[in-house]
Amino acid sequence: MHFSPFVLAFAPPPGGGGGGGSSMWSTMLFLGAMVLIFYFMIIRPQKKRQDDHKKLLNNVKKGDKIVTASGIHGTVSDVEDNILVLQIADNVRIRIDKAAIGSVESKQVEVKSK
């Protein structure tokens, strides 16, 4: 009978059941290390980006210049619960969801003249 090397790789070691304990521990250690690497390289940074974006959405106020996720640039003229009124040109205002905000370009800066 012909066994492929793939099947033989999963066969128990010859000579009985001894020696399987250390192999199991090394496999568990390897899997644990992979889970930790996956968490610190993928899950944790993504959660941090989501929290930062949520904080950005909650801090948007009238006068902020924003860019929507679709690329529309404008200035916030009114803030409601989850809706923003965005002025994109003279006498042109649109209503968008807060979730559509891609980034905040700059905050309104008050300049006092002398």
N, C-alpha and C. Protein backbone atom coordinates (compact mmCIF):
# COMPACT_ATOMS: atom_id res chain seq x y z
N MET A 1 0.83 -1.17 0.00
CA MET A 1 0.00 0.00 0.00
C MET A 1 0.88 1.24 0.00
N HIS A 2 0.45 2.26 -0.71
CA HIS A 2 1.23 3.48 -0.83
C HIS A 2 0.59 4.58 0.02
N PHE A 3 1.35 5.10 1.00
CA PHE A 3 0.88 6.19 1.86
C PHE A 3 1.58 7.48 1.44
N SER A 4 0.81 8.51 1.34
CA SER A 4 1.43 9.79 0.98
C SER A 4 2.14 10.37 2.20
N PRO A 5 3.14 11.20 1.99
CA PRO A 5 3.86 11.82 3.11
C PRO A 5 2.95 12.67 3.99
N PHE A 6 1.89 13.21 3.40
CA PHE A 6 0.95 14.02 4.18
C PHE A 6 0.26 13.20 5.26
N VAL A 7 -0.16 12.00 4.91
CA VAL A 7 -0.84 11.12 5.86
C VAL A 7 0.15 10.64 6.92
N LEU A 8 1.38 10.35 6.52
CA LEU A 8 2.38 9.87 7.47
C LEU A 8 2.79 10.95 8.47
N ALA A 9 2.64 12.21 8.11
CA ALA A 9 2.99 13.29 9.02
C ALA A 9 2.07 13.31 10.24
N PHE A 10 0.84 12.80 10.10
CA PHE A 10 -0.09 12.78 11.21
C PHE A 10 -0.11 11.44 11.96
N ALA A 11 0.70 10.53 11.56
CA ALA A 11 0.77 9.23 12.22
C ALA A 11 1.47 9.36 13.56
N PRO A 12 1.07 8.54 14.56
CA PRO A 12 1.76 8.59 15.85
C PRO A 12 3.18 8.07 15.70
N PRO A 13 4.07 8.49 16.60
CA PRO A 13 5.46 8.02 16.50
C PRO A 13 5.54 6.51 16.72
N PRO A 14 6.46 5.84 16.06
CA PRO A 14 6.58 4.39 16.24
C PRO A 14 7.04 4.05 17.65
N GLY A 15 6.64 2.93 18.14
CA GLY A 15 7.09 2.47 19.44
C GLY A 15 6.09 2.72 20.55
N GLY A 16 4.85 2.93 20.23
CA GLY A 16 3.86 3.09 21.29
C GLY A 16 3.43 4.53 21.47
N GLY A 17 2.81 4.77 22.60
CA GLY A 17 2.22 6.08 22.87
C GLY A 17 3.16 7.06 23.54
N GLY A 18 4.37 6.69 23.85
CA GLY A 18 5.29 7.59 24.54
C GLY A 18 5.79 8.69 23.63
N GLY A 19 6.11 9.84 24.21
CA GLY A 19 6.68 10.94 23.46
C GLY A 19 5.67 11.90 22.88
N GLY A 20 4.40 11.66 23.05
CA GLY A 20 3.37 12.54 22.49
C GLY A 20 3.10 13.76 23.36
N GLY A 21 3.47 13.72 24.61
CA GLY A 21 3.16 14.82 25.52
C GLY A 21 3.92 16.09 25.20
N SER A 22 5.19 15.96 24.91
CA SER A 22 5.98 17.16 24.62
C SER A 22 5.57 17.76 23.28
N SER A 23 5.17 16.92 22.34
CA SER A 23 4.71 17.41 21.05
C SER A 23 3.41 18.20 21.21
N MET A 24 2.54 17.71 22.10
CA MET A 24 1.28 18.41 22.33
C MET A 24 1.54 19.78 22.95
N TRP A 25 2.45 19.85 23.92
CA TRP A 25 2.74 21.13 24.56
C TRP A 25 3.36 22.12 23.58
N SER A 26 4.23 21.65 22.73
CA SER A 26 4.85 22.56 21.76
C SER A 26 3.81 23.07 20.76
N THR A 27 2.87 22.21 20.39
CA THR A 27 1.80 22.64 19.49
C THR A 27 0.91 23.67 20.17
N MET A 28 0.55 23.44 21.42
CA MET A 28 -0.28 24.39 22.16
C MET A 28 0.44 25.73 22.35
N LEU A 29 1.73 25.68 22.62
CA LEU A 29 2.53 26.90 22.77
C LEU A 29 2.57 27.67 21.45
N PHE A 30 2.75 26.96 20.35
CA PHE A 30 2.77 27.59 19.03
C PHE A 30 1.43 28.25 18.71
N LEU A 31 0.33 27.55 18.99
CA LEU A 31 -1.00 28.11 18.74
C LEU A 31 -1.26 29.33 19.62
N GLY A 32 -0.84 29.27 20.87
CA GLY A 32 -1.00 30.42 21.77
C GLY A 32 -0.22 31.63 21.28
N ALA A 33 1.00 31.39 20.81
CA ALA A 33 1.82 32.48 20.27
C ALA A 33 1.17 33.08 19.03
N MET A 34 0.59 32.25 18.18
CA MET A 34 -0.08 32.75 16.98
C MET A 34 -1.30 33.60 17.33
N VAL A 35 -2.05 33.19 18.35
CA VAL A 35 -3.21 33.97 18.79
C VAL A 35 -2.76 35.33 19.32
N LEU A 36 -1.70 35.36 20.12
CA LEU A 36 -1.19 36.63 20.64
C LEU A 36 -0.70 37.54 19.53
N ILE A 37 0.03 36.98 18.58
CA ILE A 37 0.52 37.79 17.45
C ILE A 37 -0.66 38.33 16.65
N PHE A 38 -1.66 37.51 16.40
CA PHE A 38 -2.86 37.93 15.67
C PHE A 38 -3.56 39.07 16.41
N TYR A 39 -3.66 38.95 17.73
CA TYR A 39 -4.33 39.98 18.53
C TYR A 39 -3.57 41.30 18.45
N PHE A 40 -2.26 41.27 18.71
CA PHE A 40 -1.49 42.52 18.77
C PHE A 40 -1.23 43.13 17.40
N MET A 41 -1.26 42.36 16.33
CA MET A 41 -0.98 42.90 15.01
C MET A 41 -2.25 43.31 14.25
N ILE A 42 -3.40 42.71 14.55
CA ILE A 42 -4.60 42.97 13.75
C ILE A 42 -5.75 43.50 14.60
N ILE A 43 -6.15 42.80 15.62
CA ILE A 43 -7.36 43.15 16.36
C ILE A 43 -7.19 44.43 17.16
N ARG A 44 -6.11 44.55 17.91
CA ARG A 44 -5.91 45.71 18.78
C ARG A 44 -5.79 47.02 17.99
N PRO A 45 -4.97 47.10 16.93
CA PRO A 45 -4.91 48.36 16.16
C PRO A 45 -6.24 48.73 15.51
N GLN A 46 -6.98 47.73 15.03
CA GLN A 46 -8.28 48.02 14.40
C GLN A 46 -9.25 48.59 15.42
N LYS A 47 -9.27 48.05 16.63
CA LYS A 47 -10.14 48.55 17.68
C LYS A 47 -9.76 49.97 18.05
N LYS A 48 -8.47 50.27 18.09
CA LYS A 48 -8.01 51.62 18.41
C LYS A 48 -8.46 52.61 17.34
N ARG A 49 -8.36 52.23 16.06
CA ARG A 49 -8.83 53.10 14.97
C ARG A 49 -10.33 53.35 15.07
N GLN A 50 -11.10 52.31 15.41
CA GLN A 50 -12.55 52.46 15.55
C GLN A 50 -12.88 53.41 16.70
N ASP A 51 -12.18 53.28 17.82
CA ASP A 51 -12.44 54.16 18.96
C ASP A 51 -12.07 55.60 18.63
N ASP A 52 -10.95 55.81 17.93
CA ASP A 52 -10.55 57.16 17.53
C ASP A 52 -11.57 57.79 16.58
N HIS A 53 -12.08 57.01 15.64
CA HIS A 53 -13.07 57.52 14.69
C HIS A 53 -14.38 57.86 15.40
N LYS A 54 -14.77 57.02 16.36
CA LYS A 54 -15.99 57.28 17.12
C LYS A 54 -15.84 58.57 17.92
N LYS A 55 -14.67 58.78 18.52
CA LYS A 55 -14.41 60.00 19.27
C LYS A 55 -14.45 61.21 18.34
N LEU A 56 -13.89 61.07 17.14
CA LEU A 56 -13.90 62.15 16.15
C LEU A 56 -15.34 62.52 15.78
N LEU A 57 -16.19 61.52 15.56
CA LEU A 57 -17.59 61.77 15.21
C LEU A 57 -18.34 62.48 16.33
N ASN A 58 -18.06 62.10 17.55
CA ASN A 58 -18.75 62.71 18.69
C ASN A 58 -18.30 64.14 18.95
N ASN A 59 -17.11 64.54 18.49
CA ASN A 59 -16.57 65.87 18.76
C ASN A 59 -16.76 66.85 17.61
N VAL A 60 -17.46 66.46 16.56
CA VAL A 60 -17.71 67.37 15.44
C VAL A 60 -18.69 68.43 15.89
N LYS A 61 -18.36 69.69 15.57
CA LYS A 61 -19.24 70.79 15.96
C LYS A 61 -19.34 71.80 14.83
N LYS A 62 -20.23 72.75 15.00
CA LYS A 62 -20.50 73.77 13.98
C LYS A 62 -19.21 74.53 13.66
N GLY A 63 -18.93 74.69 12.37
CA GLY A 63 -17.75 75.42 11.93
C GLY A 63 -16.58 74.53 11.54
N ASP A 64 -16.64 73.24 11.87
CA ASP A 64 -15.56 72.31 11.50
C ASP A 64 -15.58 72.07 10.00
N LYS A 65 -14.39 72.00 9.41
CA LYS A 65 -14.28 71.64 7.99
C LYS A 65 -14.02 70.15 7.93
N ILE A 66 -14.87 69.44 7.17
CA ILE A 66 -14.78 67.98 7.12
C ILE A 66 -14.73 67.50 5.68
N VAL A 67 -14.32 66.25 5.54
CA VAL A 67 -14.37 65.54 4.26
C VAL A 67 -15.19 64.29 4.51
N THR A 68 -16.21 64.07 3.68
CA THR A 68 -17.02 62.88 3.85
C THR A 68 -16.29 61.66 3.28
N ALA A 69 -16.82 60.50 3.56
CA ALA A 69 -16.22 59.26 3.06
C ALA A 69 -16.27 59.20 1.54
N SER A 70 -17.22 59.92 0.93
CA SER A 70 -17.32 59.93 -0.53
C SER A 70 -16.50 61.05 -1.16
N GLY A 71 -15.82 61.87 -0.32
CA GLY A 71 -14.91 62.88 -0.85
C GLY A 71 -15.49 64.28 -0.95
N ILE A 72 -16.64 64.53 -0.37
CA ILE A 72 -17.23 65.87 -0.42
C ILE A 72 -16.63 66.72 0.70
N HIS A 73 -16.10 67.89 0.33
CA HIS A 73 -15.53 68.81 1.29
C HIS A 73 -16.58 69.85 1.66
N GLY A 74 -16.65 70.22 2.93
CA GLY A 74 -17.60 71.23 3.33
C GLY A 74 -17.39 71.66 4.77
N THR A 75 -18.20 72.62 5.18
CA THR A 75 -18.15 73.15 6.54
C THR A 75 -19.46 72.82 7.24
N VAL A 76 -19.36 72.35 8.47
CA VAL A 76 -20.55 71.99 9.25
C VAL A 76 -21.29 73.27 9.62
N SER A 77 -22.56 73.36 9.22
CA SER A 77 -23.34 74.54 9.57
C SER A 77 -24.37 74.25 10.66
N ASP A 78 -24.67 72.98 10.91
CA ASP A 78 -25.59 72.62 11.98
C ASP A 78 -25.36 71.16 12.36
N VAL A 79 -25.50 70.87 13.65
CA VAL A 79 -25.33 69.50 14.16
C VAL A 79 -26.60 69.09 14.87
N GLU A 80 -27.18 67.99 14.43
CA GLU A 80 -28.32 67.40 15.12
C GLU A 80 -27.83 66.10 15.75
N ASP A 81 -28.73 65.22 16.14
CA ASP A 81 -28.31 63.98 16.81
C ASP A 81 -27.29 63.21 15.98
N ASN A 82 -27.72 62.58 14.93
CA ASN A 82 -26.83 61.82 14.05
C ASN A 82 -26.76 62.40 12.65
N ILE A 83 -27.26 63.61 12.49
CA ILE A 83 -27.31 64.27 11.19
C ILE A 83 -26.51 65.56 11.25
N LEU A 84 -25.76 65.84 10.19
CA LEU A 84 -25.05 67.10 10.05
C LEU A 84 -25.60 67.84 8.84
N VAL A 85 -25.65 69.16 8.93
CA VAL A 85 -25.95 69.98 7.77
C VAL A 85 -24.60 70.52 7.32
N LEU A 86 -24.24 70.17 6.10
CA LEU A 86 -22.92 70.49 5.57
C LEU A 86 -23.06 71.51 4.45
N GLN A 87 -22.37 72.65 4.60
CA GLN A 87 -22.39 73.66 3.55
C GLN A 87 -21.22 73.37 2.62
N ILE A 88 -21.56 73.08 1.36
CA ILE A 88 -20.52 72.72 0.40
C ILE A 88 -20.23 73.83 -0.60
N ALA A 89 -21.11 74.84 -0.69
CA ALA A 89 -20.91 76.02 -1.54
C ALA A 89 -21.85 77.10 -1.02
N ASP A 90 -21.76 78.30 -1.61
CA ASP A 90 -22.67 79.38 -1.20
C ASP A 90 -24.10 78.96 -1.45
N ASN A 91 -24.93 79.04 -0.42
CA ASN A 91 -26.35 78.69 -0.48
C ASN A 91 -26.60 77.25 -0.90
N VAL A 92 -25.64 76.37 -0.69
CA VAL A 92 -25.83 74.95 -0.98
C VAL A 92 -25.51 74.16 0.29
N ARG A 93 -26.53 73.54 0.84
CA ARG A 93 -26.36 72.76 2.07
C ARG A 93 -26.94 71.37 1.84
N ILE A 94 -26.27 70.38 2.41
CA ILE A 94 -26.77 69.00 2.33
C ILE A 94 -26.81 68.42 3.73
N ARG A 95 -27.66 67.44 3.91
CA ARG A 95 -27.77 66.73 5.19
C ARG A 95 -27.09 65.38 5.02
N ILE A 96 -26.21 65.05 5.95
CA ILE A 96 -25.50 63.77 5.90
C ILE A 96 -25.54 63.12 7.28
N ASP A 97 -25.35 61.83 7.31
CA ASP A 97 -25.19 61.11 8.57
C ASP A 97 -23.80 61.38 9.12
N LYS A 98 -23.68 61.37 10.45
CA LYS A 98 -22.37 61.51 11.06
C LYS A 98 -21.44 60.38 10.64
N ALA A 99 -22.01 59.22 10.39
CA ALA A 99 -21.20 58.05 10.00
C ALA A 99 -20.52 58.25 8.66
N ALA A 100 -20.98 59.22 7.86
CA ALA A 100 -20.40 59.47 6.54
C ALA A 100 -19.15 60.34 6.60
N ILE A 101 -18.78 60.81 7.79
CA ILE A 101 -17.59 61.65 7.93
C ILE A 101 -16.34 60.79 7.77
N GLY A 102 -15.48 61.19 6.86
CA GLY A 102 -14.22 60.49 6.65
C GLY A 102 -13.12 61.06 7.53
N SER A 103 -13.01 62.40 7.54
CA SER A 103 -11.99 63.05 8.36
C SER A 103 -12.37 64.49 8.61
N VAL A 104 -11.76 65.07 9.63
CA VAL A 104 -11.93 66.47 9.94
C VAL A 104 -10.66 67.17 9.50
N GLU A 105 -10.79 68.11 8.54
CA GLU A 105 -9.61 68.81 8.02
C GLU A 105 -9.07 69.80 9.03
N SER A 106 -9.92 70.66 9.54
CA SER A 106 -9.45 71.64 10.51
C SER A 106 -10.61 72.09 11.37
N LYS A 107 -10.26 72.56 12.53
CA LYS A 107 -11.25 73.10 13.45
C LYS A 107 -11.40 74.58 13.17
N GLN A 108 -12.56 75.14 13.54
CA GLN A 108 -12.77 76.55 13.36
C GLN A 108 -11.85 77.30 14.32
N VAL A 109 -11.14 78.29 13.79
CA VAL A 109 -10.23 79.06 14.61
C VAL A 109 -10.75 80.49 14.67
N GLU A 110 -10.97 80.97 15.88
CA GLU A 110 -11.44 82.34 16.05
C GLU A 110 -10.22 83.26 16.12
N VAL A 111 -10.21 84.27 15.25
CA VAL A 111 -9.12 85.23 15.22
C VAL A 111 -9.67 86.55 15.73
N LYS A 112 -9.02 87.07 16.78
CA LYS A 112 -9.44 88.36 17.34
C LYS A 112 -8.60 89.46 16.69
N SER A 113 -9.28 90.43 16.12
CA SER A 113 -8.54 91.54 15.51
C SER A 113 -8.30 92.61 16.56
N LYS A 114 -7.22 93.36 16.38
CA LYS A 114 -6.85 94.40 17.34
C LYS A 114 -7.52 95.69 17.05
